[in-house]
C-alpha cells in the first residue's frame, strides 16, 4: 500500500468545531461546551466526498436537566436526541447519518429545563469518507 501524506490538519491540537479529514476517515470533537440556551457544538462543511458519520452526544455531569441535541444539514434540522437526565443512558446512542458532498452541518444543544444553569456537554463526529 503506498504511503499517503496526511497534511497538517491530521494533527490533533485540541477541540475543533470543524471537520478534519485524514485519508478515508474524518473526525470532529467539540470539547467541553457549557450549554444553557441554544449553543453551537460543531459547525463544518463537508468536502467533495460522501461521508458516513457517527454522531455521539454526552453530558459531563450529573443533572436532571433536559438537554436536546440537534443536527442540521444545510440549515434544516434532520435529527436529534433528548437526554432527560444524565442518569438516563449517558452517553446517548450514536446516530449514523450519511452526509452528502458540499453540505453545511451544524450540531447544537439546548437546555430546556427552564434554568439558566450551564451544563457540560460534548459532541463527537467520526466517520468514513467515500471517494
C-alpha atoms as a PDB file:
ATOM      1  CA  UNK A   1       0.000   0.000   0.000  1.00  0.00           C
ATOM      2  CA  UNK A   2       1.542   3.369  -0.963  1.00  0.00           C
ATOM      3  CA  UNK A   3       2.178   5.912   1.761  1.00  0.00           C
ATOM      4  CA  UNK A   4      -0.109   8.924   1.786  1.00  0.00           C
ATOM      5  CA  UNK A   5       0.750  12.353   3.113  1.00  0.00           C
ATOM      6  CA  UNK A   6      -1.944  13.451   5.507  1.00  0.00           C
ATOM      7  CA  UNK A   7      -1.177  17.144   5.928  1.00  0.00           C
ATOM      8  CA  UNK A   8      -1.256  19.442   8.933  1.00  0.00           C
ATOM      9  CA  UNK A   9      -4.977  19.045   9.623  1.00  0.00           C
ATOM     10  CA  UNK A  10      -4.319  15.488  10.827  1.00  0.00           C
ATOM     11  CA  UNK A  11      -2.634  16.708  13.992  1.00  0.00           C
ATOM     12  CA  UNK A  12      -4.988  16.754  16.961  1.00  0.00           C
ATOM     13  CA  UNK A  13      -4.275  20.053  18.662  1.00  0.00           C
ATOM     14  CA  UNK A  14      -7.437  20.190  20.758  1.00  0.00           C
ATOM     15  CA  UNK A  15     -11.173  20.520  20.291  1.00  0.00           C
ATOM     16  CA  UNK A  16     -12.281  21.971  16.992  1.00  0.00           C
ATOM     17  CA  UNK A  17     -15.780  22.714  15.689  1.00  0.00           C
ATOM     18  CA  UNK A  18     -14.561  21.988  12.155  1.00  0.00           C
ATOM     19  CA  UNK A  19     -14.151  18.656  10.396  1.00  0.00           C
ATOM     20  CA  UNK A  20     -10.700  17.102   9.966  1.00  0.00           C
ATOM     21  CA  UNK A  21     -10.217  14.589   7.154  1.00  0.00           C
ATOM     22  CA  UNK A  22      -7.340  12.103   7.141  1.00  0.00           C
ATOM     23  CA  UNK A  23      -7.296   9.723   4.209  1.00  0.00           C
ATOM     24  CA  UNK A  24     -10.616   7.855   4.267  1.00  0.00           C
ATOM     25  CA  UNK A  25     -11.602   8.985   7.779  1.00  0.00           C
ATOM     26  CA  UNK A  26     -12.896  12.163   9.394  1.00  0.00           C
ATOM     27  CA  UNK A  27     -13.462  13.466  12.901  1.00  0.00           C
ATOM     28  CA  UNK A  28     -14.527  16.467  14.945  1.00  0.00           C
ATOM     29  CA  UNK A  29     -14.591  16.935  18.714  1.00  0.00           C
ATOM     30  CA  UNK A  30     -16.404  19.850  20.326  1.00  0.00           C
ATOM     31  CA  UNK A  31     -14.603  19.684  23.638  1.00  0.00           C
ATOM     32  CA  UNK A  32     -16.461  20.937  26.683  1.00  0.00           C
ATOM     33  CA  UNK A  33     -19.283  23.378  25.855  1.00  0.00           C
ATOM     34  CA  UNK A  34     -21.278  24.961  28.693  1.00  0.00           C
ATOM     35  CA  UNK A  35     -24.874  24.732  27.403  1.00  0.00           C
ATOM     36  CA  UNK A  36     -27.700  26.967  28.578  1.00  0.00           C
ATOM     37  CA  UNK A  37     -29.846  28.172  25.698  1.00  0.00           C
ATOM     38  CA  UNK A  38     -29.062  27.110  22.126  1.00  0.00           C
ATOM     39  CA  UNK A  39     -25.309  26.544  21.918  1.00  0.00           C
ATOM     40  CA  UNK A  40     -23.280  25.564  18.870  1.00  0.00           C
ATOM     41  CA  UNK A  41     -21.139  22.487  19.451  1.00  0.00           C
ATOM     42  CA  UNK A  42     -19.933  21.715  15.914  1.00  0.00           C
ATOM     43  CA  UNK A  43     -20.102  23.539  12.576  1.00  0.00           C
ATOM     44  CA  UNK A  44     -18.457  22.441   9.329  1.00  0.00           C
ATOM     45  CA  UNK A  45     -18.860  21.978   5.594  1.00  0.00           C
ATOM     46  CA  UNK A  46     -18.183  18.593   4.052  1.00  0.00           C
ATOM     47  CA  UNK A  47     -15.878  18.300   1.065  1.00  0.00           C
ATOM     48  CA  UNK A  48     -16.466  16.741  -2.335  1.00  0.00           C
ATOM     49  CA  UNK A  49     -16.958  13.217  -0.984  1.00  0.00           C
ATOM     50  CA  UNK A  50     -19.787  11.315   0.695  1.00  0.00           C
ATOM     51  CA  UNK A  51     -19.351  10.702   4.446  1.00  0.00           C
ATOM     52  CA  UNK A  52     -20.964   8.034   6.609  1.00  0.00           C
ATOM     53  CA  UNK A  53     -20.785   9.741  10.007  1.00  0.00           C
ATOM     54  CA  UNK A  54     -21.411   8.618  13.573  1.00  0.00           C
ATOM     55  CA  UNK A  55     -22.571  11.412  15.901  1.00  0.00           C
ATOM     56  CA  UNK A  56     -22.193  10.879  19.657  1.00  0.00           C
ATOM     57  CA  UNK A  57     -23.506  13.189  22.396  1.00  0.00           C
ATOM     58  CA  UNK A  58     -22.838  13.116  26.114  1.00  0.00           C
ATOM     59  CA  UNK A  59     -23.127  15.103  29.337  1.00  0.00           C
ATOM     60  CA  UNK A  60     -20.144  15.680  31.582  1.00  0.00           C
ATOM     61  CA  UNK A  61     -22.017  15.985  34.863  1.00  0.00           C
ATOM     62  CA  UNK A  62     -24.871  14.565  36.911  1.00  0.00           C
ATOM     63  CA  UNK A  63     -28.069  16.562  36.342  1.00  0.00           C
ATOM     64  CA  UNK A  64     -31.793  16.171  35.819  1.00  0.00           C
ATOM     65  CA  UNK A  65     -31.902  18.929  33.186  1.00  0.00           C
ATOM     66  CA  UNK A  66     -33.398  18.173  29.774  1.00  0.00           C
ATOM     67  CA  UNK A  67     -30.811  18.653  27.029  1.00  0.00           C
ATOM     68  CA  UNK A  68     -31.782  18.458  23.351  1.00  0.00           C
ATOM     69  CA  UNK A  69     -29.135  17.912  20.670  1.00  0.00           C
ATOM     70  CA  UNK A  70     -29.993  18.743  17.059  1.00  0.00           C
ATOM     71  CA  UNK A  71     -28.150  18.016  13.823  1.00  0.00           C
ATOM     72  CA  UNK A  72     -28.835  20.402  10.936  1.00  0.00           C
ATOM     73  CA  UNK A  73     -27.952  19.799   7.314  1.00  0.00           C
ATOM     74  CA  UNK A  74     -27.901  22.901   5.092  1.00  0.00           C
ATOM     75  CA  UNK A  75     -29.971  24.823   7.645  1.00  0.00           C
ATOM     76  CA  UNK A  76     -32.621  22.137   8.208  1.00  0.00           C
ATOM     77  CA  UNK A  77     -32.852  20.039  11.380  1.00  0.00           C
ATOM     78  CA  UNK A  78     -32.614  16.416  10.261  1.00  0.00           C
ATOM     79  CA  UNK A  79     -32.159  14.554  13.539  1.00  0.00           C
ATOM     80  CA  UNK A  80     -31.515  14.891  17.215  1.00  0.00           C
ATOM     81  CA  UNK A  81     -31.629  13.343  20.641  1.00  0.00           C
ATOM     82  CA  UNK A  82     -33.136  14.169  24.015  1.00  0.00           C
ATOM     83  CA  UNK A  83     -31.289  13.460  27.227  1.00  0.00           C
ATOM     84  CA  UNK A  84     -33.883  13.792  30.002  1.00  0.00           C
ATOM     85  CA  UNK A  85     -31.231  13.454  32.675  1.00  0.00           C
ATOM     86  CA  UNK A  86     -27.602  12.439  32.852  1.00  0.00           C
ATOM     87  CA  UNK A  87     -28.729   9.264  34.601  1.00  0.00           C
ATOM     88  CA  UNK A  88     -30.760   8.035  31.596  1.00  0.00           C
ATOM     89  CA  UNK A  89     -28.437   6.495  29.045  1.00  0.00           C
ATOM     90  CA  UNK A  90     -25.473   8.849  29.124  1.00  0.00           C
ATOM     91  CA  UNK A  91     -23.911   8.863  26.559  1.00  0.00           C
ATOM     92  CA  UNK A  92     -26.810   8.680  24.163  1.00  0.00           C
ATOM     93  CA  UNK A  93     -26.945   6.023  21.472  1.00  0.00           C
ATOM     94  CA  UNK A  94     -24.940   7.156  18.448  1.00  0.00           C
ATOM     95  CA  UNK A  95     -26.716   8.493  15.374  1.00  0.00           C
ATOM     96  CA  UNK A  96     -25.461   7.305  11.973  1.00  0.00           C
ATOM     97  CA  UNK A  97     -26.080   9.824   9.214  1.00  0.00           C
ATOM     98  CA  UNK A  98     -24.949   9.944   5.588  1.00  0.00           C
ATOM     99  CA  UNK A  99     -23.604  13.408   4.793  1.00  0.00           C
ATOM    100  CA  UNK A 100     -23.777  14.420   1.120  1.00  0.00           C
ATOM    101  CA  UNK A 101     -20.904  16.271  -0.550  1.00  0.00           C
ATOM    102  CA  UNK A 102     -20.652  20.046  -0.038  1.00  0.00           C
ATOM    103  CA  UNK A 103     -23.122  20.099   2.875  1.00  0.00           C
ATOM    104  CA  UNK A 104     -23.133  22.531   5.790  1.00  0.00           C
ATOM    105  CA  UNK A 105     -23.511  20.623   9.086  1.00  0.00           C
ATOM    106  CA  UNK A 106     -24.313  22.134  12.499  1.00  0.00           C
ATOM    107  CA  UNK A 107     -24.715  20.436  15.866  1.00  0.00           C
ATOM    108  CA  UNK A 108     -26.473  22.442  18.578  1.00  0.00           C
ATOM    109  CA  UNK A 109     -27.535  21.706  22.134  1.00  0.00           C
ATOM    110  CA  UNK A 110     -30.214  23.438  24.224  1.00  0.00           C
ATOM    111  CA  UNK A 111     -31.062  23.152  27.913  1.00  0.00           C
ATOM    112  CA  UNK A 112     -34.885  23.087  28.039  1.00  0.00           C
ATOM    113  CA  UNK A 113     -35.124  22.850  31.827  1.00  0.00           C
ATOM    114  CA  UNK A 114     -36.027  26.494  32.279  1.00  0.00           C
ATOM    115  CA  UNK A 115     -32.955  27.160  34.387  1.00  0.00           C
ATOM    116  CA  UNK A 116     -30.017  29.341  33.391  1.00  0.00           C
ATOM    117  CA  UNK A 117     -27.632  26.693  34.725  1.00  0.00           C
ATOM    118  CA  UNK A 118     -24.786  25.839  32.382  1.00  0.00           C
ATOM    119  CA  UNK A 119     -24.366  22.122  31.730  1.00  0.00           C
ATOM    120  CA  UNK A 120     -21.228  20.405  30.423  1.00  0.00           C
ATOM    121  CA  UNK A 121     -21.968  18.916  27.002  1.00  0.00           C
ATOM    122  CA  UNK A 122     -19.841  17.281  24.315  1.00  0.00           C
ATOM    123  CA  UNK A 123     -20.347  16.272  20.681  1.00  0.00           C
ATOM    124  CA  UNK A 124     -18.164  13.932  18.651  1.00  0.00           C
ATOM    125  CA  UNK A 125     -18.307  13.038  14.955  1.00  0.00           C
ATOM    126  CA  UNK A 126     -16.296  10.189  13.496  1.00  0.00           C
ATOM    127  CA  UNK A 127     -16.789   8.889  10.003  1.00  0.00           C
ATOM    128  CA  UNK A 128     -15.680   7.177   6.847  1.00  0.00           C
ATOM    129  CA  UNK A 129     -15.111   9.188   3.692  1.00  0.00           C
ATOM    130  CA  UNK A 130     -16.162   7.534   0.422  1.00  0.00           C
ATOM    131  CA  UNK A 131     -14.245   8.889  -2.576  1.00  0.00           C
END
